[in-house]
Protein backbone atom coordinates (compact mmCIF):
# COMPACT_ATOMS: atom_id res chain seq x y z
CA UNK A 1 0.00 0.00 0.00
CA UNK A 2 1.27 3.45 -0.91
CA UNK A 3 -0.17 6.64 0.52
CA UNK A 4 0.82 10.10 -0.57
CA UNK A 5 0.59 13.77 0.16
CA UNK A 6 1.05 15.95 -2.91
CA UNK A 7 0.62 19.65 -2.17
CA UNK A 8 1.13 22.36 -4.75
CA UNK A 9 3.88 24.72 -3.51
CA UNK A 10 1.91 27.90 -4.16
CA UNK A 11 1.91 29.15 -0.57
CA UNK A 12 2.68 28.20 3.00
CA UNK A 13 1.15 25.18 4.71
CA UNK A 14 -2.39 25.63 6.05
CA UNK A 15 -4.78 23.61 8.15
CA UNK A 16 -6.28 21.88 5.10
CA UNK A 17 -2.82 20.66 4.05
CA UNK A 18 -2.09 19.38 7.53
CA UNK A 19 -5.45 17.60 7.77
CA UNK A 20 -5.03 15.76 4.45
CA UNK A 21 -1.39 14.91 5.23
CA UNK A 22 -2.41 13.54 8.64
CA UNK A 23 -5.26 11.41 7.28
CA UNK A 24 -3.12 9.88 4.56
CA UNK A 25 -0.19 9.38 6.96
CA UNK A 26 -2.29 7.59 9.59
CA UNK A 27 -4.00 5.40 7.00
CA UNK A 28 -0.72 4.48 5.32
CA UNK A 29 1.14 3.74 8.55
CA UNK A 30 -1.76 1.67 9.94
CA UNK A 31 -1.49 -0.55 6.85
CA UNK A 32 2.33 -0.69 7.06
CA UNK A 33 2.56 1.05 3.71
CA UNK A 34 4.96 3.44 2.06
CA UNK A 35 4.28 7.13 2.65
CA UNK A 36 5.20 9.41 -0.25
CA UNK A 37 5.49 13.20 -0.35
CA UNK A 38 5.70 14.81 -3.76
CA UNK A 39 5.26 18.35 -4.93
CA UNK A 40 2.59 18.93 -7.56
CA UNK A 41 4.08 21.90 -9.35
CA UNK A 42 1.26 22.23 -11.88
CA UNK A 43 0.76 25.95 -11.27
CA UNK A 44 4.14 27.17 -12.48
CA UNK A 45 3.21 30.86 -12.19
CA UNK A 46 2.54 30.68 -8.45
CA UNK A 47 4.81 27.79 -7.40
CA UNK A 48 8.07 28.78 -5.73
CA UNK A 49 11.02 26.83 -4.38
CA UNK A 50 10.76 28.76 -1.09
CA UNK A 51 7.18 27.49 -0.61
CA UNK A 52 8.32 23.95 -1.38
CA UNK A 53 11.10 24.14 1.20
CA UNK A 54 8.77 25.74 3.78
CA UNK A 55 6.16 22.97 3.28
CA UNK A 56 8.80 20.29 3.81
CA UNK A 57 10.22 22.09 6.86
CA UNK A 58 6.73 22.36 8.37
CA UNK A 59 5.94 18.68 7.73
CA UNK A 60 9.19 17.69 9.42
CA UNK A 61 8.48 20.02 12.35
CA UNK A 62 5.04 18.41 12.73
CA UNK A 63 6.70 14.98 12.96
CA UNK A 64 5.90 13.51 9.56
CA UNK A 65 8.40 11.00 8.19
CA UNK A 66 8.07 9.93 4.58
CA UNK A 67 9.63 7.01 2.75
CA UNK A 68 9.81 8.50 -0.74
CA UNK A 69 10.05 12.05 -2.01
CA UNK A 70 12.12 15.17 -1.39
CA UNK A 71 14.90 14.87 1.18
CA UNK A 72 14.88 11.04 1.12
CA UNK A 73 16.72 10.11 -2.04
CA UNK A 74 14.42 11.88 -4.45
CA UNK A 75 16.45 12.69 -7.57
CA UNK A 76 14.02 14.79 -9.58
CA UNK A 77 15.18 18.39 -9.92
CA UNK A 78 12.68 20.95 -8.74
CA UNK A 79 12.45 23.84 -11.18
CA UNK A 80 10.21 26.58 -9.91
CA UNK A 81 9.82 30.28 -10.59
CA UNK A 82 11.32 32.61 -8.02
PDB file of N, CA and C in Angstrom:
ATOM      1  N   UNK A   1       0.848  -1.174   0.000  1.00  0.00           N
ATOM      2  CA  UNK A   1       0.000   0.000   0.000  1.00  0.00           C
ATOM      3  C   UNK A   1       0.885   1.224   0.000  1.00  0.00           C
ATOM      4  N   UNK A   2       0.551   2.181  -0.850  1.00  0.00           N
ATOM      5  CA  UNK A   2       1.265   3.446  -0.914  1.00  0.00           C
ATOM      6  C   UNK A   2       0.280   4.572  -0.669  1.00  0.00           C
ATOM      7  N   UNK A   3       0.621   5.440   0.270  1.00  0.00           N
ATOM      8  CA  UNK A   3      -0.173   6.636   0.518  1.00  0.00           C
ATOM      9  C   UNK A   3       0.672   7.837   0.176  1.00  0.00           C
ATOM     10  N   UNK A   4       0.024   8.936  -0.197  1.00  0.00           N
ATOM     11  CA  UNK A   4       0.818  10.100  -0.569  1.00  0.00           C
ATOM     12  C   UNK A   4       0.160  11.395  -0.152  1.00  0.00           C
ATOM     13  N   UNK A   5       1.010  12.392  -0.051  1.00  0.00           N
ATOM     14  CA  UNK A   5       0.587  13.767   0.159  1.00  0.00           C
ATOM     15  C   UNK A   5       1.275  14.571  -0.933  1.00  0.00           C
ATOM     16  N   UNK A   6       0.495  15.259  -1.747  1.00  0.00           N
ATOM     17  CA  UNK A   6       1.049  15.948  -2.914  1.00  0.00           C
ATOM     18  C   UNK A   6       0.532  17.385  -2.995  1.00  0.00           C
ATOM     19  N   UNK A   7       1.066  18.251  -2.128  1.00  0.00           N
ATOM     20  CA  UNK A   7       0.621  19.648  -2.167  1.00  0.00           C
ATOM     21  C   UNK A   7       1.229  20.394  -3.354  1.00  0.00           C
ATOM     22  N   UNK A   8       0.582  21.465  -3.745  1.00  0.00           N
ATOM     23  CA  UNK A   8       1.135  22.360  -4.746  1.00  0.00           C
ATOM     24  C   UNK A   8       1.854  23.478  -3.997  1.00  0.00           C
ATOM     25  N   UNK A   9       3.131  23.716  -4.265  1.00  0.00           N
ATOM     26  CA  UNK A   9       3.885  24.721  -3.511  1.00  0.00           C
ATOM     27  C   UNK A   9       3.577  26.152  -3.959  1.00  0.00           C
ATOM     28  N   UNK A  10       2.337  26.557  -3.748  1.00  0.00           N
ATOM     29  CA  UNK A  10       1.911  27.898  -4.161  1.00  0.00           C
ATOM     30  C   UNK A  10       1.690  28.813  -2.962  1.00  0.00           C
ATOM     31  N   UNK A  11       2.060  28.360  -1.784  1.00  0.00           N
ATOM     32  CA  UNK A  11       1.906  29.149  -0.565  1.00  0.00           C
ATOM     33  C   UNK A  11       2.365  28.319   0.615  1.00  0.00           C
ATOM     34  N   UNK A  12       2.254  28.899   1.779  1.00  0.00           N
ATOM     35  CA  UNK A  12       2.675  28.205   2.997  1.00  0.00           C
ATOM     36  C   UNK A  12       1.630  27.182   3.416  1.00  0.00           C
ATOM     37  N   UNK A  13       2.040  26.243   4.246  1.00  0.00           N
ATOM     38  CA  UNK A  13       1.152  25.181   4.708  1.00  0.00           C
ATOM     39  C   UNK A  13      -0.038  25.786   5.468  1.00  0.00           C
ATOM     40  N   UNK A  14      -1.196  25.175   5.331  1.00  0.00           N
ATOM     41  CA  UNK A  14      -2.389  25.629   6.047  1.00  0.00           C
ATOM     42  C   UNK A  14      -3.091  24.413   6.647  1.00  0.00           C
ATOM     43  N   UNK A  15      -4.101  24.669   7.429  1.00  0.00           N
ATOM     44  CA  UNK A  15      -4.785  23.605   8.153  1.00  0.00           C
ATOM     45  C   UNK A  15      -5.308  22.508   7.234  1.00  0.00           C
ATOM     46  N   UNK A  16      -5.800  22.869   6.056  1.00  0.00           N
ATOM     47  CA  UNK A  16      -6.280  21.876   5.097  1.00  0.00           C
ATOM     48  C   UNK A  16      -5.169  20.935   4.652  1.00  0.00           C
ATOM     49  N   UNK A  17      -3.974  21.500   4.400  1.00  0.00           N
ATOM     50  CA  UNK A  17      -2.819  20.664   4.048  1.00  0.00           C
ATOM     51  C   UNK A  17      -2.503  19.692   5.163  1.00  0.00           C
ATOM     52  N   UNK A  18      -2.449  20.208   6.387  1.00  0.00           N
ATOM     53  CA  UNK A  18      -2.094  19.375   7.533  1.00  0.00           C
ATOM     54  C   UNK A  18      -3.122  18.265   7.725  1.00  0.00           C
ATOM     55  N   UNK A  19      -4.382  18.581   7.587  1.00  0.00           N
ATOM     56  CA  UNK A  19      -5.452  17.602   7.771  1.00  0.00           C
ATOM     57  C   UNK A  19      -5.326  16.452   6.774  1.00  0.00           C
ATOM     58  N   UNK A  20      -5.153  16.792   5.493  1.00  0.00           N
ATOM     59  CA  UNK A  20      -5.028  15.764   4.454  1.00  0.00           C
ATOM     60  C   UNK A  20      -3.759  14.946   4.655  1.00  0.00           C
ATOM     61  N   UNK A  21      -2.646  15.623   4.980  1.00  0.00           N
ATOM     62  CA  UNK A  21      -1.389  14.913   5.229  1.00  0.00           C
ATOM     63  C   UNK A  21      -1.554  13.939   6.394  1.00  0.00           C
ATOM     64  N   UNK A  22      -2.213  14.379   7.456  1.00  0.00           N
ATOM     65  CA  UNK A  22      -2.409  13.537   8.636  1.00  0.00           C
ATOM     66  C   UNK A  22      -3.281  12.324   8.323  1.00  0.00           C
ATOM     67  N   UNK A  23      -4.385  12.535   7.626  1.00  0.00           N
ATOM     68  CA  UNK A  23      -5.261  11.412   7.281  1.00  0.00           C
ATOM     69  C   UNK A  23      -4.541  10.374   6.431  1.00  0.00           C
ATOM     70  N   UNK A  24      -3.822  10.834   5.423  1.00  0.00           N
ATOM     71  CA  UNK A  24      -3.123   9.875   4.560  1.00  0.00           C
ATOM     72  C   UNK A  24      -1.972   9.202   5.306  1.00  0.00           C
ATOM     73  N   UNK A  25      -1.294   9.940   6.186  1.00  0.00           N
ATOM     74  CA  UNK A  25      -0.190   9.382   6.964  1.00  0.00           C
ATOM     75  C   UNK A  25      -0.681   8.285   7.906  1.00  0.00           C
ATOM     76  N   UNK A  26      -1.736   8.570   8.647  1.00  0.00           N
ATOM     77  CA  UNK A  26      -2.286   7.590   9.590  1.00  0.00           C
ATOM     78  C   UNK A  26      -2.763   6.336   8.852  1.00  0.00           C
ATOM     79  N   UNK A  27      -3.485   6.530   7.768  1.00  0.00           N
ATOM     80  CA  UNK A  27      -3.996   5.400   6.995  1.00  0.00           C
ATOM     81  C   UNK A  27      -2.855   4.544   6.448  1.00  0.00           C
ATOM     82  N   UNK A  28      -1.850   5.201   5.894  1.00  0.00           N
ATOM     83  CA  UNK A  28      -0.717   4.475   5.317  1.00  0.00           C
ATOM     84  C   UNK A  28       0.064   3.721   6.381  1.00  0.00           C
ATOM     85  N   UNK A  29       0.353   4.382   7.490  1.00  0.00           N
ATOM     86  CA  UNK A  29       1.142   3.742   8.551  1.00  0.00           C
ATOM     87  C   UNK A  29       0.364   2.600   9.209  1.00  0.00           C
ATOM     88  N   UNK A  30      -0.954   2.744   9.362  1.00  0.00           N
ATOM     89  CA  UNK A  30      -1.763   1.665   9.942  1.00  0.00           C
ATOM     90  C   UNK A  30      -1.740   0.414   9.072  1.00  0.00           C
ATOM     91  N   UNK A  31      -1.542   0.595   7.769  1.00  0.00           N
ATOM     92  CA  UNK A  31      -1.492  -0.548   6.848  1.00  0.00           C
ATOM     93  C   UNK A  31      -0.052  -0.938   6.513  1.00  0.00           C
ATOM     94  N   UNK A  32       0.903  -0.395   7.260  1.00  0.00           N
ATOM     95  CA  UNK A  32       2.328  -0.690   7.065  1.00  0.00           C
ATOM     96  C   UNK A  32       2.773  -0.405   5.641  1.00  0.00           C
ATOM     97  N   UNK A  33       2.248   0.681   5.086  1.00  0.00           N
ATOM     98  CA  UNK A  33       2.560   1.046   3.711  1.00  0.00           C
ATOM     99  C   UNK A  33       3.700   2.039   3.598  1.00  0.00           C
ATOM    100  N   UNK A  34       3.923   2.468   2.387  1.00  0.00           N
ATOM    101  CA  UNK A  34       4.961   3.439   2.055  1.00  0.00           C
ATOM    102  C   UNK A  34       4.312   4.809   1.929  1.00  0.00           C
ATOM    103  N   UNK A  35       4.834   5.778   2.689  1.00  0.00           N
ATOM    104  CA  UNK A  35       4.277   7.135   2.654  1.00  0.00           C
ATOM    105  C   UNK A  35       5.148   7.995   1.738  1.00  0.00           C
ATOM    106  N   UNK A  36       4.508   8.640   0.776  1.00  0.00           N
ATOM    107  CA  UNK A  36       5.198   9.412  -0.254  1.00  0.00           C
ATOM    108  C   UNK A  36       4.780  10.874  -0.170  1.00  0.00           C
ATOM    109  N   UNK A  37       5.761  11.756  -0.223  1.00  0.00           N
ATOM    110  CA  UNK A  37       5.489  13.197  -0.352  1.00  0.00           C
ATOM    111  C   UNK A  37       6.044  13.607  -1.702  1.00  0.00           C
ATOM    112  N   UNK A  38       5.229  14.279  -2.486  1.00  0.00           N
ATOM    113  CA  UNK A  38       5.700  14.809  -3.764  1.00  0.00           C
ATOM    114  C   UNK A  38       5.058  16.152  -4.011  1.00  0.00           C
ATOM    115  N   UNK A  39       5.764  17.018  -4.644  1.00  0.00           N
ATOM    116  CA  UNK A  39       5.259  18.350  -4.927  1.00  0.00           C
ATOM    117  C   UNK A  39       4.586  18.351  -6.285  1.00  0.00           C
ATOM    118  N   UNK A  40       3.353  18.814  -6.308  1.00  0.00           N
ATOM    119  CA  UNK A  40       2.591  18.931  -7.556  1.00  0.00           C
ATOM    120  C   UNK A  40       2.754  20.355  -8.063  1.00  0.00           C
ATOM    121  N   UNK A  41       3.769  20.565  -8.869  1.00  0.00           N
ATOM    122  CA  UNK A  41       4.080  21.904  -9.349  1.00  0.00           C
ATOM    123  C   UNK A  41       3.362  22.211 -10.662  1.00  0.00           C
ATOM    124  N   UNK A  42       2.040  22.033 -10.662  1.00  0.00           N
ATOM    125  CA  UNK A  42       1.261  22.230 -11.881  1.00  0.00           C
ATOM    126  C   UNK A  42       0.912  23.695 -12.123  1.00  0.00           C
ATOM    127  N   UNK A  43       1.025  24.521 -11.119  1.00  0.00           N
ATOM    128  CA  UNK A  43       0.758  25.953 -11.273  1.00  0.00           C
ATOM    129  C   UNK A  43       2.102  26.677 -11.264  1.00  0.00           C
ATOM    130  N   UNK A  44       2.773  26.659 -12.397  1.00  0.00           N
ATOM    131  CA  UNK A  44       4.137  27.174 -12.476  1.00  0.00           C
ATOM    132  C   UNK A  44       4.229  28.676 -12.206  1.00  0.00           C
ATOM    133  N   UNK A  45       3.169  29.415 -12.437  1.00  0.00           N
ATOM    134  CA  UNK A  45       3.209  30.856 -12.194  1.00  0.00           C
ATOM    135  C   UNK A  45       3.256  31.186 -10.709  1.00  0.00           C
ATOM    136  N   UNK A  46       2.595  30.383  -9.882  1.00  0.00           N
ATOM    137  CA  UNK A  46       2.540  30.680  -8.445  1.00  0.00           C
ATOM    138  C   UNK A  46       3.444  29.792  -7.600  1.00  0.00           C
ATOM    139  N   UNK A  47       3.952  28.705  -8.150  1.00  0.00           N
ATOM    140  CA  UNK A  47       4.813  27.791  -7.399  1.00  0.00           C
ATOM    141  C   UNK A  47       6.198  28.404  -7.225  1.00  0.00           C
ATOM    142  N   UNK A  48       6.740  28.258  -6.016  1.00  0.00           N
ATOM    143  CA  UNK A  48       8.069  28.780  -5.728  1.00  0.00           C
ATOM    144  C   UNK A  48       8.846  27.758  -4.904  1.00  0.00           C
ATOM    145  N   UNK A  49      10.149  27.724  -5.134  1.00  0.00           N
ATOM    146  CA  UNK A  49      11.018  26.832  -4.376  1.00  0.00           C
ATOM    147  C   UNK A  49      10.930  27.130  -2.880  1.00  0.00           C
ATOM    148  N   UNK A  50      10.831  28.398  -2.515  1.00  0.00           N
ATOM    149  CA  UNK A  50      10.761  28.757  -1.091  1.00  0.00           C
ATOM    150  C   UNK A  50       9.514  28.168  -0.432  1.00  0.00           C
ATOM    151  N   UNK A  51       8.392  28.116  -1.154  1.00  0.00           N
ATOM    152  CA  UNK A  51       7.179  27.492  -0.609  1.00  0.00           C
ATOM    153  C   UNK A  51       7.375  25.989  -0.458  1.00  0.00           C
ATOM    154  N   UNK A  52       8.047  25.384  -1.434  1.00  0.00           N
ATOM    155  CA  UNK A  52       8.320  23.946  -1.375  1.00  0.00           C
ATOM    156  C   UNK A  52       9.162  23.625  -0.140  1.00  0.00           C
ATOM    157  N   UNK A  53      10.231  24.369   0.051  1.00  0.00           N
ATOM    158  CA  UNK A  53      11.105  24.143   1.204  1.00  0.00           C
ATOM    159  C   UNK A  53      10.361  24.394   2.517  1.00  0.00           C
ATOM    160  N   UNK A  54       9.533  25.429   2.558  1.00  0.00           N
ATOM    161  CA  UNK A  54       8.765  25.737   3.780  1.00  0.00           C
ATOM    162  C   UNK A  54       7.768  24.619   4.094  1.00  0.00           C
ATOM    163  N   UNK A  55       7.101  24.079   3.073  1.00  0.00           N
ATOM    164  CA  UNK A  55       6.162  22.969   3.283  1.00  0.00           C
ATOM    165  C   UNK A  55       6.881  21.758   3.866  1.00  0.00           C
ATOM    166  N   UNK A  56       8.035  21.438   3.314  1.00  0.00           N
ATOM    167  CA  UNK A  56       8.802  20.290   3.808  1.00  0.00           C
ATOM    168  C   UNK A  56       9.295  20.530   5.231  1.00  0.00           C
ATOM    169  N   UNK A  57       9.777  21.740   5.497  1.00  0.00           N
ATOM    170  CA  UNK A  57      10.216  22.086   6.859  1.00  0.00           C
ATOM    171  C   UNK A  57       9.072  21.931   7.852  1.00  0.00           C
ATOM    172  N   UNK A  58       7.893  22.428   7.474  1.00  0.00           N
ATOM    173  CA  UNK A  58       6.734  22.356   8.370  1.00  0.00           C
ATOM    174  C   UNK A  58       6.300  20.914   8.606  1.00  0.00           C
ATOM    175  N   UNK A  59       6.300  20.091   7.565  1.00  0.00           N
ATOM    176  CA  UNK A  59       5.936  18.684   7.734  1.00  0.00           C
ATOM    177  C   UNK A  59       6.910  17.985   8.677  1.00  0.00           C
ATOM    178  N   UNK A  60       8.197  18.279   8.518  1.00  0.00           N
ATOM    179  CA  UNK A  60       9.189  17.686   9.422  1.00  0.00           C
ATOM    180  C   UNK A  60       8.980  18.178  10.855  1.00  0.00           C
ATOM    181  N   UNK A  61       8.707  19.460  11.014  1.00  0.00           N
ATOM    182  CA  UNK A  61       8.479  20.024  12.346  1.00  0.00           C
ATOM    183  C   UNK A  61       7.265  19.372  13.015  1.00  0.00           C
ATOM    184  N   UNK A  62       6.244  19.058  12.214  1.00  0.00           N
ATOM    185  CA  UNK A  62       5.042  18.409  12.732  1.00  0.00           C
ATOM    186  C   UNK A  62       5.254  16.922  13.027  1.00  0.00           C
ATOM    187  N   UNK A  63       6.390  16.368  12.631  1.00  0.00           N
ATOM    188  CA  UNK A  63       6.704  14.983  12.960  1.00  0.00           C
ATOM    189  C   UNK A  63       6.445  13.975  11.857  1.00  0.00           C
ATOM    190  N   UNK A  64       6.122  14.434  10.668  1.00  0.00           N
ATOM    191  CA  UNK A  64       5.899  13.509   9.555  1.00  0.00           C
ATOM    192  C   UNK A  64       7.232  12.952   9.078  1.00  0.00           C
ATOM    193  N   UNK A  65       7.236  11.664   8.780  1.00  0.00           N
ATOM    194  CA  UNK A  65       8.401  11.003   8.192  1.00  0.00           C
ATOM    195  C   UNK A  65       7.922  10.264   6.960  1.00  0.00           C
ATOM    196  N   UNK A  66       8.497  10.580   5.812  1.00  0.00           N
ATOM    197  CA  UNK A  66       8.066   9.926   4.579  1.00  0.00           C
ATOM    198  C   UNK A  66       9.169   9.030   4.059  1.00  0.00           C
ATOM    199  N   UNK A  67       8.734   8.037   3.265  1.00  0.00           N
ATOM    200  CA  UNK A  67       9.634   7.011   2.750  1.00  0.00           C
ATOM    201  C   UNK A  67      10.164   7.335   1.358  1.00  0.00           C
ATOM    202  N   UNK A  68       9.403   8.110   0.610  1.00  0.00           N
ATOM    203  CA  UNK A  68       9.807   8.502  -0.745  1.00  0.00           C
ATOM    204  C   UNK A  68       9.474   9.969  -0.933  1.00  0.00           C
ATOM    205  N   UNK A  69      10.301  10.651  -1.712  1.00  0.00           N
ATOM    206  CA  UNK A  69      10.052  12.047  -2.005  1.00  0.00           C
ATOM    207  C   UNK A  69      11.247  12.921  -1.689  1.00  0.00           C
ATOM    208  N   UNK A  70      11.032  14.238  -1.664  1.00  0.00           N
ATOM    209  CA  UNK A  70      12.115  15.171  -1.393  1.00  0.00           C
ATOM    210  C   UNK A  70      12.782  14.873  -0.050  1.00  0.00           C
ATOM    211  N   UNK A  71      14.073  15.035  -0.021  1.00  0.00           N
ATOM    212  CA  UNK A  71      14.900  14.868   1.177  1.00  0.00           C
ATOM    213  C   UNK A  71      15.116  13.413   1.592  1.00  0.00           C
ATOM    214  N   UNK A  72      14.614  12.461   0.828  1.00  0.00           N
ATOM    215  CA  UNK A  72      14.878  11.041   1.124  1.00  0.00           C
ATOM    216  C   UNK A  72      15.239  10.296  -0.165  1.00  0.00           C
ATOM    217  N   UNK A  73      16.246  10.789  -0.848  1.00  0.00           N
ATOM    218  CA  UNK A  73      16.720  10.109  -2.038  1.00  0.00           C
ATOM    219  C   UNK A  73      15.984  10.440  -3.315  1.00  0.00           C
ATOM    220  N   UNK A  74      15.168  11.465  -3.268  1.00  0.00           N
ATOM    221  CA  UNK A  74      14.419  11.878  -4.448  1.00  0.00           C
ATOM    222  C   UNK A  74      15.368  12.574  -5.396  1.00  0.00           C
ATOM    223  N   UNK A  75      15.456  12.140  -6.651  1.00  0.00           N
ATOM    224  CA  UNK A  75      16.448  12.693  -7.572  1.00  0.00           C
ATOM    225  C   UNK A  75      15.885  13.696  -8.557  1.00  0.00           C
ATOM    226  N   UNK A  76      14.601  13.857  -8.622  1.00  0.00           N
ATOM    227  CA  UNK A  76      14.020  14.795  -9.582  1.00  0.00           C
ATOM    228  C   UNK A  76      14.379  16.224  -9.200  1.00  0.00           C
ATOM    229  N   UNK A  77      14.823  16.996 -10.155  1.00  0.00           N
ATOM    230  CA  UNK A  77      15.179  18.388  -9.920  1.00  0.00           C
ATOM    231  C   UNK A  77      13.917  19.228  -9.883  1.00  0.00           C
ATOM    232  N   UNK A  78      13.827  20.059  -8.873  1.00  0.00           N
ATOM    233  CA  UNK A  78      12.683  20.950  -8.743  1.00  0.00           C
ATOM    234  C   UNK A  78      13.020  22.252  -9.450  1.00  0.00           C
ATOM    235  N   UNK A  79      12.251  22.592 -10.455  1.00  0.00           N
ATOM    236  CA  UNK A  79      12.450  23.836 -11.181  1.00  0.00           C
ATOM    237  C   UNK A  79      11.208  24.662 -10.986  1.00  0.00           C
ATOM    238  N   UNK A  80      11.346  25.730 -10.223  1.00  0.00           N
ATOM    239  CA  UNK A  80      10.208  26.577  -9.913  1.00  0.00           C
ATOM    240  C   UNK A  80      10.588  28.038 -10.132  1.00  0.00           C
ATOM    241  N   UNK A  81       9.585  28.839 -10.423  1.00  0.00           N
ATOM    242  CA  UNK A  81       9.816  30.277 -10.591  1.00  0.00           C
ATOM    243  C   UNK A  81      10.149  30.910  -9.253  1.00  0.00           C
ATOM    244  N   UNK A  82      10.992  31.888  -9.267  1.00  0.00           N
ATOM    245  CA  UNK A  82      11.323  32.610  -8.016  1.00  0.00           C
ATOM    246  C   UNK A  82      10.782  34.007  -8.058  1.00  0.00           C
TER     247      UNK A  82
END
